[in-house]
Amino acid sequence: MLELDYITATATHCPYCSLQCGMYLVESENGPTVAARDFPTNAGGLCQKGWTSTALLQHPERLTTPLMRDCKGGELRPISWDAALDRIVEAIQAAQ
């Protein structure tokens, strides 16, 4: 992670397609934005989707916590990340 005064840039990848172009997620006083980084698949450039990907972070319907159902067709309810991961592990082990 690179820190410069009020800006923090975290190396990551674009979330849109299978190319996984390299980019930085930049947190600043003006909110999140992205910056291209030199990476083998994109050589320092981003497409329009990559440049606008921070809109995903600010979307009001974005899920920020795991949800689960107690029974098939039941209502979704929030659970902790630990409980969600434990449930996934149990399901994988049962399938094996």
N, C-alpha and C. Protein backbone atom coordinates (compact mmCIF):
# COMPACT_ATOMS: atom_id res chain seq x y z
N MET A 1 0.85 -1.17 0.00
CA MET A 1 0.00 0.00 0.00
C MET A 1 0.89 1.24 0.00
N LEU A 2 0.55 2.19 -0.83
CA LEU A 2 1.31 3.42 -0.97
C LEU A 2 0.56 4.54 -0.29
N GLU A 3 1.21 5.26 0.64
CA GLU A 3 0.54 6.35 1.33
C GLU A 3 1.29 7.66 1.08
N LEU A 4 0.57 8.66 0.59
CA LEU A 4 1.12 9.98 0.35
C LEU A 4 0.18 11.01 0.96
N ASP A 5 0.55 11.60 2.08
CA ASP A 5 -0.27 12.58 2.78
C ASP A 5 -1.70 12.08 2.96
N TYR A 6 -2.65 12.71 2.27
CA TYR A 6 -4.06 12.36 2.45
C TYR A 6 -4.54 11.33 1.43
N ILE A 7 -3.66 10.82 0.57
CA ILE A 7 -4.05 9.86 -0.47
C ILE A 7 -3.48 8.49 -0.14
N THR A 8 -4.31 7.46 -0.25
CA THR A 8 -3.87 6.08 -0.11
C THR A 8 -4.21 5.36 -1.40
N ALA A 9 -3.24 4.72 -2.02
CA ALA A 9 -3.46 3.97 -3.26
C ALA A 9 -3.16 2.50 -3.00
N THR A 10 -4.14 1.65 -3.25
CA THR A 10 -3.99 0.21 -3.05
C THR A 10 -3.98 -0.48 -4.40
N ALA A 11 -2.95 -1.25 -4.67
CA ALA A 11 -2.87 -2.00 -5.93
C ALA A 11 -3.96 -3.07 -5.94
N THR A 12 -4.72 -3.13 -7.04
CA THR A 12 -5.80 -4.10 -7.17
C THR A 12 -6.02 -4.39 -8.65
N HIS A 13 -7.13 -5.04 -8.96
CA HIS A 13 -7.48 -5.37 -10.35
C HIS A 13 -8.88 -4.88 -10.64
N CYS A 14 -9.13 -4.57 -11.90
CA CYS A 14 -10.46 -4.15 -12.33
C CYS A 14 -11.44 -5.31 -12.13
N PRO A 15 -12.65 -5.05 -11.64
CA PRO A 15 -13.60 -6.12 -11.34
C PRO A 15 -14.46 -6.57 -12.52
N TYR A 16 -14.31 -5.97 -13.69
CA TYR A 16 -15.28 -6.19 -14.75
C TYR A 16 -15.09 -7.43 -15.60
N CYS A 17 -13.96 -7.64 -16.21
CA CYS A 17 -13.83 -8.74 -17.17
C CYS A 17 -12.71 -9.69 -16.77
N SER A 18 -12.51 -10.69 -17.60
CA SER A 18 -11.51 -11.72 -17.27
C SER A 18 -10.07 -11.26 -17.47
N LEU A 19 -9.84 -10.10 -18.09
CA LEU A 19 -8.46 -9.62 -18.27
C LEU A 19 -7.82 -9.21 -16.96
N GLN A 20 -8.63 -8.78 -15.99
CA GLN A 20 -8.11 -8.37 -14.68
C GLN A 20 -7.02 -7.32 -14.80
N CYS A 21 -7.31 -6.23 -15.51
CA CYS A 21 -6.35 -5.15 -15.69
C CYS A 21 -5.91 -4.60 -14.33
N GLY A 22 -4.63 -4.26 -14.24
CA GLY A 22 -4.09 -3.71 -13.01
C GLY A 22 -4.50 -2.26 -12.83
N MET A 23 -4.85 -1.90 -11.61
CA MET A 23 -5.24 -0.53 -11.29
C MET A 23 -4.96 -0.26 -9.83
N TYR A 24 -5.01 1.01 -9.45
CA TYR A 24 -4.93 1.42 -8.05
C TYR A 24 -6.29 1.93 -7.63
N LEU A 25 -6.75 1.54 -6.46
CA LEU A 25 -7.92 2.15 -5.83
C LEU A 25 -7.38 3.25 -4.94
N VAL A 26 -7.76 4.49 -5.24
CA VAL A 26 -7.21 5.65 -4.55
C VAL A 26 -8.27 6.24 -3.64
N GLU A 27 -7.97 6.33 -2.36
CA GLU A 27 -8.84 6.98 -1.37
C GLU A 27 -8.28 8.36 -1.11
N SER A 28 -9.08 9.37 -1.30
CA SER A 28 -8.62 10.74 -1.06
C SER A 28 -9.71 11.55 -0.39
N GLU A 29 -9.44 12.80 -0.15
CA GLU A 29 -10.43 13.69 0.47
C GLU A 29 -11.69 13.81 -0.38
N ASN A 30 -11.57 13.59 -1.68
CA ASN A 30 -12.70 13.71 -2.60
C ASN A 30 -13.43 12.40 -2.82
N GLY A 31 -13.09 11.36 -2.09
CA GLY A 31 -13.73 10.07 -2.24
C GLY A 31 -12.88 9.12 -3.08
N PRO A 32 -13.39 7.90 -3.29
CA PRO A 32 -12.60 6.91 -4.01
C PRO A 32 -12.54 7.19 -5.51
N THR A 33 -11.42 6.86 -6.11
CA THR A 33 -11.23 6.94 -7.55
C THR A 33 -10.23 5.86 -7.94
N VAL A 34 -9.94 5.72 -9.22
CA VAL A 34 -8.97 4.74 -9.66
C VAL A 34 -7.85 5.41 -10.44
N ALA A 35 -6.73 4.74 -10.51
CA ALA A 35 -5.60 5.17 -11.33
C ALA A 35 -5.06 3.92 -12.00
N ALA A 36 -4.70 4.04 -13.26
CA ALA A 36 -4.14 2.91 -13.99
C ALA A 36 -2.74 2.61 -13.45
N ARG A 37 -2.36 1.34 -13.50
CA ARG A 37 -1.00 0.97 -13.14
C ARG A 37 -0.44 0.08 -14.23
N ASP A 38 0.87 0.12 -14.39
CA ASP A 38 1.51 -0.68 -15.41
C ASP A 38 1.38 -2.15 -15.01
N PHE A 39 0.74 -2.92 -15.86
CA PHE A 39 0.46 -4.32 -15.57
C PHE A 39 0.49 -5.06 -16.91
N PRO A 40 0.90 -6.31 -16.96
CA PRO A 40 1.04 -7.00 -18.25
C PRO A 40 -0.20 -6.98 -19.14
N THR A 41 -1.39 -7.09 -18.58
CA THR A 41 -2.59 -7.16 -19.42
C THR A 41 -3.06 -5.81 -19.94
N ASN A 42 -2.73 -4.72 -19.26
CA ASN A 42 -3.25 -3.43 -19.72
C ASN A 42 -2.18 -2.37 -19.96
N ALA A 43 -0.93 -2.68 -19.68
CA ALA A 43 0.19 -1.77 -19.98
C ALA A 43 -0.08 -0.33 -19.56
N GLY A 44 -0.71 -0.14 -18.42
CA GLY A 44 -0.92 1.21 -17.88
C GLY A 44 -2.19 1.89 -18.34
N GLY A 45 -3.07 1.21 -19.04
CA GLY A 45 -4.32 1.82 -19.50
C GLY A 45 -5.53 1.11 -18.91
N LEU A 46 -6.67 1.75 -18.97
CA LEU A 46 -7.94 1.16 -18.53
C LEU A 46 -9.03 1.50 -19.54
N CYS A 47 -10.01 0.61 -19.69
CA CYS A 47 -11.16 0.91 -20.53
C CYS A 47 -12.15 1.78 -19.75
N GLN A 48 -13.23 2.17 -20.40
CA GLN A 48 -14.22 3.03 -19.74
C GLN A 48 -14.81 2.37 -18.49
N LYS A 49 -15.04 1.07 -18.56
CA LYS A 49 -15.58 0.38 -17.39
C LYS A 49 -14.61 0.44 -16.21
N GLY A 50 -13.33 0.26 -16.50
CA GLY A 50 -12.32 0.34 -15.44
C GLY A 50 -12.27 1.71 -14.80
N TRP A 51 -12.32 2.76 -15.64
CA TRP A 51 -12.25 4.12 -15.11
C TRP A 51 -13.45 4.47 -14.25
N THR A 52 -14.61 3.85 -14.51
CA THR A 52 -15.82 4.18 -13.74
C THR A 52 -16.14 3.14 -12.68
N SER A 53 -15.23 2.22 -12.40
CA SER A 53 -15.51 1.12 -11.48
C SER A 53 -15.77 1.56 -10.04
N THR A 54 -15.33 2.74 -9.64
CA THR A 54 -15.59 3.16 -8.26
C THR A 54 -17.07 3.43 -8.02
N ALA A 55 -17.85 3.57 -9.08
CA ALA A 55 -19.30 3.73 -8.91
C ALA A 55 -19.89 2.52 -8.21
N LEU A 56 -19.26 1.35 -8.40
CA LEU A 56 -19.72 0.14 -7.70
C LEU A 56 -19.60 0.29 -6.19
N LEU A 57 -18.54 0.96 -5.74
CA LEU A 57 -18.31 1.11 -4.30
C LEU A 57 -19.33 2.00 -3.64
N GLN A 58 -19.91 2.91 -4.39
CA GLN A 58 -20.82 3.90 -3.83
C GLN A 58 -22.28 3.62 -4.14
N HIS A 59 -22.56 2.50 -4.82
CA HIS A 59 -23.94 2.19 -5.20
C HIS A 59 -24.77 1.90 -3.96
N PRO A 60 -25.95 2.50 -3.82
CA PRO A 60 -26.75 2.31 -2.60
C PRO A 60 -27.24 0.87 -2.39
N GLU A 61 -27.28 0.04 -3.43
CA GLU A 61 -27.74 -1.33 -3.28
C GLU A 61 -26.59 -2.34 -3.15
N ARG A 62 -25.37 -1.83 -2.98
CA ARG A 62 -24.21 -2.71 -2.84
C ARG A 62 -24.30 -3.50 -1.54
N LEU A 63 -24.06 -4.80 -1.64
CA LEU A 63 -24.03 -5.64 -0.44
C LEU A 63 -22.70 -5.44 0.27
N THR A 64 -22.76 -5.23 1.57
CA THR A 64 -21.53 -5.03 2.36
C THR A 64 -21.41 -6.04 3.48
N THR A 65 -22.37 -6.95 3.59
CA THR A 65 -22.33 -7.99 4.61
C THR A 65 -22.95 -9.26 4.02
N PRO A 66 -22.52 -10.44 4.47
CA PRO A 66 -23.12 -11.67 3.95
C PRO A 66 -24.59 -11.79 4.38
N LEU A 67 -25.36 -12.45 3.53
CA LEU A 67 -26.77 -12.73 3.83
C LEU A 67 -26.99 -14.22 3.75
N MET A 68 -27.91 -14.75 4.55
CA MET A 68 -28.24 -16.17 4.49
C MET A 68 -29.72 -16.38 4.72
N ARG A 69 -30.17 -17.54 4.32
CA ARG A 69 -31.56 -17.96 4.55
C ARG A 69 -31.53 -19.11 5.57
N ASP A 70 -32.50 -19.14 6.46
CA ASP A 70 -32.58 -20.24 7.43
C ASP A 70 -33.18 -21.49 6.81
N CYS A 71 -33.97 -21.30 5.74
CA CYS A 71 -34.56 -22.43 5.04
C CYS A 71 -34.78 -22.04 3.58
N LYS A 72 -34.99 -23.03 2.73
CA LYS A 72 -35.19 -22.76 1.31
C LYS A 72 -36.40 -21.84 1.14
N GLY A 73 -36.19 -20.74 0.43
CA GLY A 73 -37.26 -19.78 0.20
C GLY A 73 -37.47 -18.80 1.34
N GLY A 74 -36.70 -18.96 2.45
CA GLY A 74 -36.84 -18.05 3.58
C GLY A 74 -36.28 -16.67 3.29
N GLU A 75 -36.53 -15.76 4.18
CA GLU A 75 -36.04 -14.39 4.03
C GLU A 75 -34.52 -14.34 4.25
N LEU A 76 -33.86 -13.47 3.49
CA LEU A 76 -32.44 -13.26 3.69
C LEU A 76 -32.23 -12.43 4.96
N ARG A 77 -31.22 -12.81 5.73
CA ARG A 77 -30.88 -12.03 6.91
C ARG A 77 -29.37 -11.87 6.99
N PRO A 78 -28.89 -10.75 7.54
CA PRO A 78 -27.44 -10.55 7.64
C PRO A 78 -26.82 -11.48 8.67
N ILE A 79 -25.60 -11.94 8.37
CA ILE A 79 -24.82 -12.73 9.32
C ILE A 79 -23.38 -12.23 9.28
N SER A 80 -22.57 -12.67 10.22
CA SER A 80 -21.17 -12.24 10.26
C SER A 80 -20.38 -12.96 9.18
N TRP A 81 -19.22 -12.40 8.84
CA TRP A 81 -18.35 -13.05 7.86
C TRP A 81 -17.88 -14.40 8.38
N ASP A 82 -17.56 -14.50 9.67
CA ASP A 82 -17.12 -15.78 10.23
C ASP A 82 -18.21 -16.84 10.10
N ALA A 83 -19.44 -16.48 10.41
CA ALA A 83 -20.55 -17.44 10.31
C ALA A 83 -20.77 -17.84 8.85
N ALA A 84 -20.67 -16.91 7.93
CA ALA A 84 -20.85 -17.21 6.51
C ALA A 84 -19.77 -18.17 6.01
N LEU A 85 -18.53 -17.89 6.37
CA LEU A 85 -17.43 -18.76 5.94
C LEU A 85 -17.54 -20.15 6.56
N ASP A 86 -17.95 -20.21 7.83
CA ASP A 86 -18.15 -21.52 8.47
C ASP A 86 -19.22 -22.31 7.74
N ARG A 87 -20.28 -21.65 7.35
CA ARG A 87 -21.37 -22.33 6.64
C ARG A 87 -20.92 -22.83 5.27
N ILE A 88 -20.09 -22.05 4.60
CA ILE A 88 -19.56 -22.47 3.30
C ILE A 88 -18.66 -23.70 3.46
N VAL A 89 -17.79 -23.68 4.48
CA VAL A 89 -16.90 -24.81 4.73
C VAL A 89 -17.73 -26.06 5.02
N GLU A 90 -18.75 -25.93 5.82
CA GLU A 90 -19.61 -27.08 6.14
C GLU A 90 -20.26 -27.65 4.89
N ALA A 91 -20.74 -26.78 4.01
CA ALA A 91 -21.40 -27.22 2.78
C ALA A 91 -20.40 -27.93 1.84
N ILE A 92 -19.19 -27.40 1.73
CA ILE A 92 -18.17 -28.03 0.89
C ILE A 92 -17.79 -29.39 1.46
N GLN A 93 -17.60 -29.47 2.78
CA GLN A 93 -17.25 -30.74 3.40
C GLN A 93 -18.37 -31.77 3.24
N ALA A 94 -19.61 -31.33 3.33
CA ALA A 94 -20.74 -32.25 3.15
C ALA A 94 -20.80 -32.76 1.71
N ALA A 95 -20.46 -31.90 0.76
CA ALA A 95 -20.47 -32.31 -0.64
C ALA A 95 -19.34 -33.27 -0.97
N GLN A 96 -18.23 -33.15 -0.25
CA GLN A 96 -17.09 -34.04 -0.51
C GLN A 96 -17.40 -35.43 0.00
